PDB file of N, CA and C in Angstrom:
ATOM      1  N   UNK A   1     -20.746  15.466  23.025  1.00  0.00           N
ATOM      2  CA  UNK A   1     -19.537  16.008  22.419  1.00  0.00           C
ATOM      3  C   UNK A   1     -19.824  16.283  20.942  1.00  0.00           C
ATOM      4  N   UNK A   2     -19.628  17.486  20.538  1.00  0.00           N
ATOM      5  CA  UNK A   2     -19.769  17.824  19.125  1.00  0.00           C
ATOM      6  C   UNK A   2     -18.384  18.058  18.543  1.00  0.00           C
ATOM      7  N   UNK A   3     -18.254  17.772  17.282  1.00  0.00           N
ATOM      8  CA  UNK A   3     -16.947  17.912  16.644  1.00  0.00           C
ATOM      9  C   UNK A   3     -16.472  19.355  16.578  1.00  0.00           C
ATOM     10  N   UNK A   4     -17.392  20.296  16.548  1.00  0.00           N
ATOM     11  CA  UNK A   4     -16.982  21.693  16.451  1.00  0.00           C
ATOM     12  C   UNK A   4     -16.431  22.217  17.783  1.00  0.00           C
ATOM     13  N   UNK A   5     -16.718  21.528  18.878  1.00  0.00           N
ATOM     14  CA  UNK A   5     -16.274  22.008  20.188  1.00  0.00           C
ATOM     15  C   UNK A   5     -15.434  20.965  20.924  1.00  0.00           C
ATOM     16  N   UNK A   6     -14.712  20.181  20.202  1.00  0.00           N
ATOM     17  CA  UNK A   6     -13.899  19.138  20.817  1.00  0.00           C
ATOM     18  C   UNK A   6     -12.615  19.756  21.395  1.00  0.00           C
ATOM     19  N   UNK A   7     -12.254  19.324  22.585  1.00  0.00           N
ATOM     20  CA  UNK A   7     -11.029  19.833  23.200  1.00  0.00           C
ATOM     21  C   UNK A   7      -9.830  19.049  22.675  1.00  0.00           C
ATOM     22  N   UNK A   8      -8.656  19.597  22.915  1.00  0.00           N
ATOM     23  CA  UNK A   8      -7.445  18.914  22.465  1.00  0.00           C
ATOM     24  C   UNK A   8      -7.290  17.573  23.190  1.00  0.00           C
ATOM     25  N   UNK A   9      -7.620  17.526  24.451  1.00  0.00           N
ATOM     26  CA  UNK A   9      -7.517  16.276  25.223  1.00  0.00           C
ATOM     27  C   UNK A   9      -8.461  15.221  24.665  1.00  0.00           C
ATOM     28  N   UNK A  10      -9.694  15.633  24.309  1.00  0.00           N
ATOM     29  CA  UNK A  10     -10.650  14.686  23.719  1.00  0.00           C
ATOM     30  C   UNK A  10     -10.148  14.194  22.368  1.00  0.00           C
ATOM     31  N   UNK A  11      -9.578  15.101  21.591  1.00  0.00           N
ATOM     32  CA  UNK A  11      -9.045  14.727  20.282  1.00  0.00           C
ATOM     33  C   UNK A  11      -7.928  13.697  20.432  1.00  0.00           C
ATOM     34  N   UNK A  12      -6.998  13.948  21.362  1.00  0.00           N
ATOM     35  CA  UNK A  12      -5.890  13.023  21.570  1.00  0.00           C
ATOM     36  C   UNK A  12      -6.392  11.663  22.059  1.00  0.00           C
ATOM     37  N   UNK A  13      -7.404  11.653  22.935  1.00  0.00           N
ATOM     38  CA  UNK A  13      -7.973  10.399  23.412  1.00  0.00           C
ATOM     39  C   UNK A  13      -8.605   9.623  22.262  1.00  0.00           C
ATOM     40  N   UNK A  14      -9.367  10.311  21.426  1.00  0.00           N
ATOM     41  CA  UNK A  14     -10.002   9.653  20.277  1.00  0.00           C
ATOM     42  C   UNK A  14      -8.960   9.131  19.292  1.00  0.00           C
ATOM     43  N   UNK A  15      -7.897   9.897  19.095  1.00  0.00           N
ATOM     44  CA  UNK A  15      -6.838   9.468  18.196  1.00  0.00           C
ATOM     45  C   UNK A  15      -6.161   8.199  18.721  1.00  0.00           C
ATOM     46  N   UNK A  16      -5.891   8.135  20.018  1.00  0.00           N
ATOM     47  CA  UNK A  16      -5.278   6.941  20.612  1.00  0.00           C
ATOM     48  C   UNK A  16      -6.210   5.742  20.494  1.00  0.00           C
ATOM     49  N   UNK A  17      -7.504   5.935  20.754  1.00  0.00           N
ATOM     50  CA  UNK A  17      -8.467   4.838  20.643  1.00  0.00           C
ATOM     51  C   UNK A  17      -8.548   4.324  19.212  1.00  0.00           C
ATOM     52  N   UNK A  18      -8.559   5.223  18.238  1.00  0.00           N
ATOM     53  CA  UNK A  18      -8.631   4.813  16.829  1.00  0.00           C
ATOM     54  C   UNK A  18      -7.382   4.037  16.443  1.00  0.00           C
ATOM     55  N   UNK A  19      -6.230   4.480  16.911  1.00  0.00           N
ATOM     56  CA  UNK A  19      -4.988   3.784  16.590  1.00  0.00           C
ATOM     57  C   UNK A  19      -4.969   2.405  17.237  1.00  0.00           C
ATOM     58  N   UNK A  20      -5.478   2.313  18.455  1.00  0.00           N
ATOM     59  CA  UNK A  20      -5.502   1.034  19.177  1.00  0.00           C
ATOM     60  C   UNK A  20      -6.394   0.031  18.455  1.00  0.00           C
ATOM     61  N   UNK A  21      -7.489   0.496  17.892  1.00  0.00           N
ATOM     62  CA  UNK A  21      -8.463  -0.393  17.264  1.00  0.00           C
ATOM     63  C   UNK A  21      -8.163  -0.673  15.802  1.00  0.00           C
ATOM     64  N   UNK A  22      -7.235   0.043  15.215  1.00  0.00           N
ATOM     65  CA  UNK A  22      -6.968  -0.171  13.802  1.00  0.00           C
ATOM     66  C   UNK A  22      -6.144  -1.440  13.617  1.00  0.00           C
ATOM     67  N   UNK A  23      -6.369  -2.107  12.507  1.00  0.00           N
ATOM     68  CA  UNK A  23      -5.646  -3.334  12.216  1.00  0.00           C
ATOM     69  C   UNK A  23      -4.468  -3.020  11.314  1.00  0.00           C
ATOM     70  N   UNK A  24      -3.388  -3.674  11.595  1.00  0.00           N
ATOM     71  CA  UNK A  24      -2.183  -3.527  10.785  1.00  0.00           C
ATOM     72  C   UNK A  24      -1.786  -4.898  10.271  1.00  0.00           C
ATOM     73  N   UNK A  25      -1.132  -4.923   9.143  1.00  0.00           N
ATOM     74  CA  UNK A  25      -0.682  -6.183   8.564  1.00  0.00           C
ATOM     75  C   UNK A  25       0.833  -6.194   8.498  1.00  0.00           C
ATOM     76  N   UNK A  26       1.400  -7.304   8.921  1.00  0.00           N
ATOM     77  CA  UNK A  26       2.844  -7.494   8.818  1.00  0.00           C
ATOM     78  C   UNK A  26       3.066  -8.863   8.196  1.00  0.00           C
ATOM     79  N   UNK A  27       3.921  -8.934   7.206  1.00  0.00           N
ATOM     80  CA  UNK A  27       4.158 -10.208   6.519  1.00  0.00           C
ATOM     81  C   UNK A  27       5.648 -10.487   6.479  1.00  0.00           C
ATOM     82  N   UNK A  28       5.976 -11.741   6.730  1.00  0.00           N
ATOM     83  CA  UNK A  28       7.364 -12.157   6.668  1.00  0.00           C
ATOM     84  C   UNK A  28       8.022 -12.132   8.028  1.00  0.00           C
ATOM     85  N   UNK A  29       8.928 -13.036   8.225  1.00  0.00           N
ATOM     86  CA  UNK A  29       9.595 -13.184   9.509  1.00  0.00           C
ATOM     87  C   UNK A  29      10.477 -11.975   9.831  1.00  0.00           C
ATOM     88  N   UNK A  30      10.867 -11.205   8.831  1.00  0.00           N
ATOM     89  CA  UNK A  30      11.720 -10.041   9.070  1.00  0.00           C
ATOM     90  C   UNK A  30      10.917  -8.766   9.351  1.00  0.00           C
ATOM     91  N   UNK A  31       9.589  -8.865   9.352  1.00  0.00           N
ATOM     92  CA  UNK A  31       8.743  -7.689   9.582  1.00  0.00           C
ATOM     93  C   UNK A  31       8.667  -7.356  11.071  1.00  0.00           C
ATOM     94  N   UNK A  32       8.280  -6.136  11.353  1.00  0.00           N
ATOM     95  CA  UNK A  32       8.047  -5.678  12.720  1.00  0.00           C
ATOM     96  C   UNK A  32       6.591  -5.277  12.867  1.00  0.00           C
ATOM     97  N   UNK A  33       6.066  -5.456  14.063  1.00  0.00           N
ATOM     98  CA  UNK A  33       4.740  -4.948  14.401  1.00  0.00           C
ATOM     99  C   UNK A  33       4.965  -3.700  15.234  1.00  0.00           C
ATOM    100  N   UNK A  34       4.456  -2.580  14.760  1.00  0.00           N
ATOM    101  CA  UNK A  34       4.628  -1.318  15.481  1.00  0.00           C
ATOM    102  C   UNK A  34       3.514  -1.179  16.519  1.00  0.00           C
ATOM    103  N   UNK A  35       3.913  -0.941  17.749  1.00  0.00           N
ATOM    104  CA  UNK A  35       2.970  -0.744  18.849  1.00  0.00           C
ATOM    105  C   UNK A  35       3.210   0.644  19.447  1.00  0.00           C
ATOM    106  N   UNK A  36       2.659   1.679  18.802  1.00  0.00           N
ATOM    107  CA  UNK A  36       2.941   3.043  19.229  1.00  0.00           C
ATOM    108  C   UNK A  36       2.461   3.348  20.654  1.00  0.00           C
ATOM    109  N   UNK A  37       1.381   2.700  21.078  1.00  0.00           N
ATOM    110  CA  UNK A  37       0.893   2.969  22.425  1.00  0.00           C
ATOM    111  C   UNK A  37       1.897   2.516  23.476  1.00  0.00           C
ATOM    112  N   UNK A  38       2.736   1.531  23.130  1.00  0.00           N
ATOM    113  CA  UNK A  38       3.784   1.076  24.036  1.00  0.00           C
ATOM    114  C   UNK A  38       5.138   1.672  23.676  1.00  0.00           C
ATOM    115  N   UNK A  39       5.201   2.328  22.514  1.00  0.00           N
ATOM    116  CA  UNK A  39       6.440   2.938  22.066  1.00  0.00           C
ATOM    117  C   UNK A  39       7.490   1.933  21.621  1.00  0.00           C
ATOM    118  N   UNK A  40       7.035   0.801  21.058  1.00  0.00           N
ATOM    119  CA  UNK A  40       7.990  -0.223  20.629  1.00  0.00           C
ATOM    120  C   UNK A  40       7.645  -0.759  19.250  1.00  0.00           C
ATOM    121  N   UNK A  41       8.657  -1.353  18.631  1.00  0.00           N
ATOM    122  CA  UNK A  41       8.479  -2.152  17.422  1.00  0.00           C
ATOM    123  C   UNK A  41       8.803  -3.585  17.829  1.00  0.00           C
ATOM    124  N   UNK A  42       7.890  -4.497  17.580  1.00  0.00           N
ATOM    125  CA  UNK A  42       8.055  -5.892  17.984  1.00  0.00           C
ATOM    126  C   UNK A  42       8.454  -6.721  16.767  1.00  0.00           C
ATOM    127  N   UNK A  43       9.694  -7.194  16.703  1.00  0.00           N
ATOM    128  CA  UNK A  43      10.138  -7.985  15.556  1.00  0.00           C
ATOM    129  C   UNK A  43       9.459  -9.359  15.543  1.00  0.00           C
ATOM    130  N   UNK A  44       8.881  -9.721  14.417  1.00  0.00           N
ATOM    131  CA  UNK A  44       8.252 -11.037  14.305  1.00  0.00           C
ATOM    132  C   UNK A  44       9.264 -12.161  14.480  1.00  0.00           C
ATOM    133  N   UNK A  45      10.515 -11.901  14.132  1.00  0.00           N
ATOM    134  CA  UNK A  45      11.553 -12.911  14.315  1.00  0.00           C
ATOM    135  C   UNK A  45      11.677 -13.287  15.793  1.00  0.00           C
ATOM    136  N   UNK A  46      11.495 -12.321  16.690  1.00  0.00           N
ATOM    137  CA  UNK A  46      11.538 -12.618  18.122  1.00  0.00           C
ATOM    138  C   UNK A  46      10.276 -13.341  18.582  1.00  0.00           C
ATOM    139  N   UNK A  47       9.140 -12.956  18.039  1.00  0.00           N
ATOM    140  CA  UNK A  47       7.877 -13.585  18.416  1.00  0.00           C
ATOM    141  C   UNK A  47       7.892 -15.067  18.052  1.00  0.00           C
ATOM    142  N   UNK A  48       8.420 -15.369  16.873  1.00  0.00           N
ATOM    143  CA  UNK A  48       8.385 -16.741  16.367  1.00  0.00           C
ATOM    144  C   UNK A  48       9.752 -17.436  16.470  1.00  0.00           C
ATOM    145  N   UNK A  49      10.636 -16.962  17.336  1.00  0.00           N
ATOM    146  CA  UNK A  49      11.995 -17.489  17.424  1.00  0.00           C
ATOM    147  C   UNK A  49      12.030 -18.984  17.723  1.00  0.00           C
ATOM    148  N   UNK A  50      11.130 -19.488  18.549  1.00  0.00           N
ATOM    149  CA  UNK A  50      11.161 -20.908  18.938  1.00  0.00           C
ATOM    150  C   UNK A  50      10.138 -21.751  18.181  1.00  0.00           C
ATOM    151  N   UNK A  51       9.520 -21.174  17.177  1.00  0.00           N
ATOM    152  CA  UNK A  51       8.520 -21.899  16.388  1.00  0.00           C
ATOM    153  C   UNK A  51       9.214 -22.562  15.209  1.00  0.00           C
ATOM    154  N   UNK A  52       8.957 -23.841  15.026  1.00  0.00           N
ATOM    155  CA  UNK A  52       9.510 -24.550  13.876  1.00  0.00           C
ATOM    156  C   UNK A  52       8.424 -24.638  12.808  1.00  0.00           C
ATOM    157  N   UNK A  53       8.687 -24.039  11.671  1.00  0.00           N
ATOM    158  CA  UNK A  53       7.747 -24.069  10.565  1.00  0.00           C
ATOM    159  C   UNK A  53       8.094 -25.251   9.673  1.00  0.00           C
ATOM    160  N   UNK A  54       7.151 -26.143   9.511  1.00  0.00           N
ATOM    161  CA  UNK A  54       7.361 -27.286   8.630  1.00  0.00           C
ATOM    162  C   UNK A  54       6.287 -27.265   7.555  1.00  0.00           C
ATOM    163  N   UNK A  55       6.661 -27.509   6.328  1.00  0.00           N
ATOM    164  CA  UNK A  55       5.660 -27.520   5.266  1.00  0.00           C
ATOM    165  C   UNK A  55       4.692 -28.680   5.474  1.00  0.00           C
ATOM    166  N   UNK A  56       3.451 -28.415   5.207  1.00  0.00           N
ATOM    167  CA  UNK A  56       2.456 -29.481   5.306  1.00  0.00           C
ATOM    168  C   UNK A  56       1.986 -29.844   3.909  1.00  0.00           C
ATOM    169  N   UNK A  57       1.570 -31.091   3.715  1.00  0.00           N
ATOM    170  CA  UNK A  57       1.089 -31.480   2.388  1.00  0.00           C
ATOM    171  C   UNK A  57      -0.184 -30.714   2.045  1.00  0.00           C
ATOM    172  N   UNK A  58      -0.358 -30.494   0.770  1.00  0.00           N
ATOM    173  CA  UNK A  58      -1.570 -29.808   0.324  1.00  0.00           C
ATOM    174  C   UNK A  58      -2.783 -30.675   0.596  1.00  0.00           C
ATOM    175  N   UNK A  59      -3.800 -30.040   1.099  1.00  0.00           N
ATOM    176  CA  UNK A  59      -5.054 -30.764   1.328  1.00  0.00           C
ATOM    177  C   UNK A  59      -5.870 -30.764   0.044  1.00  0.00           C
ATOM    178  N   UNK A  60      -6.585 -31.852  -0.201  1.00  0.00           N
ATOM    179  CA  UNK A  60      -7.438 -31.862  -1.397  1.00  0.00           C
ATOM    180  C   UNK A  60      -8.523 -30.798  -1.274  1.00  0.00           C
ATOM    181  N   UNK A  61      -8.824 -30.194  -2.366  1.00  0.00           N
ATOM    182  CA  UNK A  61      -9.866 -29.166  -2.410  1.00  0.00           C
ATOM    183  C   UNK A  61     -10.943 -29.618  -3.378  1.00  0.00           C
ATOM    184  N   UNK A  62     -11.927 -30.365  -2.859  1.00  0.00           N
ATOM    185  CA  UNK A  62     -12.939 -30.945  -3.748  1.00  0.00           C
ATOM    186  C   UNK A  62     -13.727 -29.915  -4.540  1.00  0.00           C
ATOM    187  N   UNK A  63     -13.909 -28.715  -4.007  1.00  0.00           N
ATOM    188  CA  UNK A  63     -14.661 -27.714  -4.759  1.00  0.00           C
ATOM    189  C   UNK A  63     -13.933 -27.312  -6.025  1.00  0.00           C
ATOM    190  N   UNK A  64     -12.602 -27.339  -6.016  1.00  0.00           N
ATOM    191  CA  UNK A  64     -11.860 -27.028  -7.236  1.00  0.00           C
ATOM    192  C   UNK A  64     -11.980 -28.163  -8.250  1.00  0.00           C
ATOM    193  N   UNK A  65     -11.896 -29.398  -7.771  1.00  0.00           N
ATOM    194  CA  UNK A  65     -12.016 -30.557  -8.649  1.00  0.00           C
ATOM    195  C   UNK A  65     -13.407 -30.592  -9.255  1.00  0.00           C
ATOM    196  N   UNK A  66     -14.428 -30.398  -8.422  1.00  0.00           N
ATOM    197  CA  UNK A  66     -15.806 -30.429  -8.904  1.00  0.00           C
ATOM    198  C   UNK A  66     -16.075 -29.331  -9.926  1.00  0.00           C
ATOM    199  N   UNK A  67     -15.554 -28.138  -9.696  1.00  0.00           N
ATOM    200  CA  UNK A  67     -15.798 -27.055 -10.657  1.00  0.00           C
ATOM    201  C   UNK A  67     -15.043 -27.314 -11.962  1.00  0.00           C
ATOM    202  N   UNK A  68     -13.853 -27.922 -11.874  1.00  0.00           N
ATOM    203  CA  UNK A  68     -13.094 -28.251 -13.085  1.00  0.00           C
ATOM    204  C   UNK A  68     -13.819 -29.334 -13.885  1.00  0.00           C
ATOM    205  N   UNK A  69     -14.350 -30.331 -13.180  1.00  0.00           N
ATOM    206  CA  UNK A  69     -15.100 -31.386 -13.863  1.00  0.00           C
ATOM    207  C   UNK A  69     -16.370 -30.834 -14.496  1.00  0.00           C
ATOM    208  N   UNK A  70     -17.046 -29.937 -13.810  1.00  0.00           N
ATOM    209  CA  UNK A  70     -18.263 -29.335 -14.353  1.00  0.00           C
ATOM    210  C   UNK A  70     -17.944 -28.523 -15.606  1.00  0.00           C
ATOM    211  N   UNK A  71     -16.846 -27.778 -15.569  1.00  0.00           N
ATOM    212  CA  UNK A  71     -16.449 -26.987 -16.737  1.00  0.00           C
ATOM    213  C   UNK A  71     -16.077 -27.894 -17.896  1.00  0.00           C
ATOM    214  N   UNK A  72     -15.398 -28.988 -17.593  1.00  0.00           N
ATOM    215  CA  UNK A  72     -15.012 -29.938 -18.637  1.00  0.00           C
ATOM    216  C   UNK A  72     -16.255 -30.578 -19.252  1.00  0.00           C
ATOM    217  N   UNK A  73     -17.225 -30.946 -18.427  1.00  0.00           N
ATOM    218  CA  UNK A  73     -18.463 -31.545 -18.928  1.00  0.00           C
ATOM    219  C   UNK A  73     -19.233 -30.541 -19.780  1.00  0.00           C
ATOM    220  N   UNK A  74     -19.258 -29.288 -19.323  1.00  0.00           N
ATOM    221  CA  UNK A  74     -19.951 -28.245 -20.081  1.00  0.00           C
ATOM    222  C   UNK A  74     -19.288 -28.062 -21.436  1.00  0.00           C
ATOM    223  N   UNK A  75     -17.984 -28.083 -21.478  1.00  0.00           N
ATOM    224  CA  UNK A  75     -17.227 -27.911 -22.707  1.00  0.00           C
ATOM    225  C   UNK A  75     -17.489 -29.078 -23.650  1.00  0.00           C
ATOM    226  N   UNK A  76     -17.570 -30.289 -23.109  1.00  0.00           N
ATOM    227  CA  UNK A  76     -17.830 -31.487 -23.933  1.00  0.00           C
ATOM    228  C   UNK A  76     -19.222 -31.444 -24.524  1.00  0.00           C
ATOM    229  N   UNK A  77     -20.211 -31.055 -23.721  1.00  0.00           N
ATOM    230  CA  UNK A  77     -21.609 -31.023 -24.197  1.00  0.00           C
ATOM    231  C   UNK A  77     -21.885 -29.872 -25.153  1.00  0.00           C
ATOM    232  N   UNK A  78     -21.076 -28.854 -25.110  1.00  0.00           N
ATOM    233  CA  UNK A  78     -21.331 -27.721 -25.996  1.00  0.00           C
ATOM    234  C   UNK A  78     -20.522 -27.823 -27.292  1.00  0.00           C
ATOM    235  N   UNK A  79     -19.910 -28.970 -27.494  1.00  0.00           N
ATOM    236  CA  UNK A  79     -19.151 -29.167 -28.732  1.00  0.00           C
ATOM    237  C   UNK A  79     -17.811 -28.474 -28.715  1.00  0.00           C
ATOM    238  N   UNK A  80     -17.298 -28.181 -27.491  1.00  0.00           N
ATOM    239  CA  UNK A  80     -16.006 -27.551 -27.381  1.00  0.00           C
ATOM    240  C   UNK A  80     -16.051 -26.035 -27.483  1.00  0.00           C
ATOM    241  N   UNK A  81     -17.233 -25.466 -27.663  1.00  0.00           N
ATOM    242  CA  UNK A  81     -17.371 -24.008 -27.745  1.00  0.00           C
ATOM    243  C   UNK A  81     -17.728 -23.485 -26.372  1.00  0.00           C
ATOM    244  N   UNK A  82     -16.964 -22.516 -25.932  1.00  0.00           N
ATOM    245  CA  UNK A  82     -17.274 -21.901 -24.632  1.00  0.00           C
ATOM    246  C   UNK A  82     -17.424 -20.421 -24.786  1.00  0.00           C
TER     247      UNK A  82
END
């Protein structure tokens, strides 16, 4: 198949495949996910209707602590000049 001689049917098939494989982002419980191949918009509120969201405590992030300590040590050894 060459692009210069593509039929309309081939073009439509390729367009549907590209749309199917493309990633979409939806954020927030009030957002919808559009599913054009099915001809519907799927509300996230319906998808997550029975899910209970509870906040979880923050997990320690040692890489942040270690980098902060390293920066502080560097600042101390350099006489406060950075």
